[in-house]
C-alpha atoms as a PDB file:
ATOM      1  CA  MET A   1      10.750 -12.338  -5.273  1.00  0.00           C
ATOM      2  CA  PRO A   2       8.623 -15.368  -4.460  1.00  0.00           C
ATOM      3  CA  PHE A   3       5.195 -16.108  -5.880  1.00  0.00           C
ATOM      4  CA  LYS A   4       2.251 -14.968  -3.779  1.00  0.00           C
ATOM      5  CA  SER A   5      -0.419 -17.261  -5.238  1.00  0.00           C
ATOM      6  CA  GLN A   6      -1.021 -20.206  -7.537  1.00  0.00           C
ATOM      7  CA  ALA A   7      -2.679 -17.873 -10.049  1.00  0.00           C
ATOM      8  CA  GLN A   8       0.484 -15.764 -10.212  1.00  0.00           C
ATOM      9  CA  ARG A   9       2.592 -18.887 -10.765  1.00  0.00           C
ATOM     10  CA  ARG A  10       0.335 -19.950 -13.659  1.00  0.00           C
ATOM     11  CA  LYS A  11       0.520 -16.458 -15.168  1.00  0.00           C
ATOM     12  CA  PHE A  12       4.310 -16.528 -15.091  1.00  0.00           C
ATOM     13  CA  ALA A  13       4.286 -20.013 -16.642  1.00  0.00           C
ATOM     14  CA  THR A  14       2.205 -18.724 -19.578  1.00  0.00           C
ATOM     15  CA  LEU A  15       4.555 -15.742 -19.965  1.00  0.00           C
ATOM     16  CA  LEU A  16       7.464 -18.196 -20.040  1.00  0.00           C
ATOM     17  CA  VAL A  17       5.802 -20.255 -22.774  1.00  0.00           C
ATOM     18  CA  GLN A  18       5.086 -17.084 -24.780  1.00  0.00           C
ATOM     19  CA  GLY A  19       8.733 -16.052 -24.423  1.00  0.00           C
ATOM     20  CA  LYS A  20       8.003 -12.806 -22.578  1.00  0.00           C
ATOM     21  CA  ILE A  21      10.172 -13.758 -19.573  1.00  0.00           C
ATOM     22  CA  SER A  22      13.309 -15.846 -19.393  1.00  0.00           C
ATOM     23  CA  ASN A  23      13.577 -19.316 -17.920  1.00  0.00           C
ATOM     24  CA  GLU A  24      16.098 -17.988 -15.364  1.00  0.00           C
ATOM     25  CA  THR A  25      13.543 -15.474 -14.043  1.00  0.00           C
ATOM     26  CA  PHE A  26      10.848 -18.115 -13.664  1.00  0.00           C
ATOM     27  CA  GLU A  27      13.214 -20.563 -11.963  1.00  0.00           C
ATOM     28  CA  GLU A  28      14.489 -17.856  -9.600  1.00  0.00           C
ATOM     29  CA  TRP A  29      10.951 -17.007  -8.465  1.00  0.00           C
ATOM     30  CA  ASN A  30      10.113 -20.711  -8.193  1.00  0.00           C
ATOM     31  CA  ARG A  31      13.218 -21.383  -6.088  1.00  0.00           C
ATOM     32  CA  GLU A  32      12.490 -18.480  -3.718  1.00  0.00           C
ATOM     33  CA  THR A  33       8.906 -19.661  -3.252  1.00  0.00           C
ATOM     34  CA  GLY A  34      10.047 -23.128  -2.234  1.00  0.00           C
ATOM     35  CA  SER A  35       7.524 -25.796  -1.349  1.00  0.00           C
ATOM     36  CA  THR A  36       5.185 -23.540   0.619  1.00  0.00           C
ATOM     37  CA  SER A  37       1.488 -24.022   0.009  1.00  0.00           C
ATOM     38  CA  LEU A  38       0.167 -20.977  -1.825  1.00  0.00           C
ATOM     39  CA  PRO A  39      -3.412 -19.724  -1.835  1.00  0.00           C
ATOM     40  CA  GLU A  40      -5.327 -19.835  -5.101  1.00  0.00           C
ATOM     41  CA  ARG A  41      -5.724 -16.065  -5.175  1.00  0.00           C
ATOM     42  CA  VAL A  42      -4.547 -13.200  -2.998  1.00  0.00           C
ATOM     43  CA  THR A  43      -6.968 -10.418  -2.206  1.00  0.00           C
ATOM     44  CA  ARG A  44      -6.015  -6.906  -1.231  1.00  0.00           C
ATOM     45  CA  VAL A  45      -6.239  -6.027   2.418  1.00  0.00           C
ATOM     46  CA  ALA A  46      -8.813  -3.300   2.959  1.00  0.00           C
ATOM     47  CA  SER A  47      -7.382  -0.216   4.562  1.00  0.00           C
ATOM     48  CA  LYS A  48      -8.785   0.942   7.862  1.00  0.00           C
ATOM     49  CA  PRO A  49     -11.361   3.720   7.582  1.00  0.00           C
ATOM     50  CA  LYS A  50     -10.050   7.113   8.569  1.00  0.00           C
ATOM     51  CA  ARG A  51     -11.203   8.431  11.917  1.00  0.00           C
ATOM     52  CA  LYS A  52     -13.288  11.551  11.994  1.00  0.00           C
ATOM     53  CA  ALA A  53     -12.173  14.456  14.135  1.00  0.00           C
ATOM     54  CA  ARG A  54     -13.945  14.408  17.464  1.00  0.00           C
ATOM     55  CA  PRO A  55     -16.000  17.433  18.434  1.00  0.00           C
ATOM     56  CA  PRO A  56     -14.530  19.443  21.327  1.00  0.00           C
ATOM     57  CA  ALA A  57     -15.593  18.473  24.810  1.00  0.00           C
ATOM     58  CA  ARG A  58     -18.409  20.436  26.366  1.00  0.00           C
ATOM     59  CA  GLY A  59     -17.241  23.495  28.214  1.00  0.00           C
ATOM     60  CA  ALA A  60     -13.880  23.533  26.469  1.00  0.00           C
ATOM     61  CA  LYS A  61     -12.687  26.913  25.250  1.00  0.00           C
ATOM     62  CA  LYS A  62     -12.304  27.379  21.524  1.00  0.00           C
ATOM     63  CA  LYS A  63      -8.879  28.306  20.274  1.00  0.00           C
ATOM     64  CA  THR A  64      -8.756  31.817  18.922  1.00  0.00           C
ATOM     65  CA  PRO A  65      -6.293  32.665  16.186  1.00  0.00           C
ATOM     66  CA  PRO A  66      -3.436  34.967  17.202  1.00  0.00           C
ATOM     67  CA  LYS A  67      -4.018  38.631  16.527  1.00  0.00           C
ATOM     68  CA  ALA A  68      -2.471  39.862  13.334  1.00  0.00           C
ATOM     69  CA  ARG A  69       0.266  42.383  13.845  1.00  0.00           C
ATOM     70  CA  SER A  70      -0.476  45.734  12.361  1.00  0.00           C
ATOM     71  CA  ALA A  71       1.767  46.679   9.498  1.00  0.00           C
ATOM     72  CA  ARG A  72       4.261  49.335  10.491  1.00  0.00           C
ATOM     73  CA  LYS A  73       4.486  52.348   8.281  1.00  0.00           C
ATOM     74  CA  ALA A  74       7.911  52.923   6.793  1.00  0.00           C
ATOM     75  CA  LYS A  75       9.101  56.514   6.886  1.00  0.00           C
END
């Protein structure tokens, strides 16, 4: 998986120095990133606000729930 930002690359470099990840892992991520220019930081993309339900159009009939069937008596 390639790096997404320069900050992430620095974080992985410090983890490598501390011995928490292997050199192979760091080199694999570095290879997959290639020479692309990375942003300093990546921010989360805000999700779109949910749409509210529209009120029914004027003059439209309201839906009525189906009538409940009466329970039949067992003999």
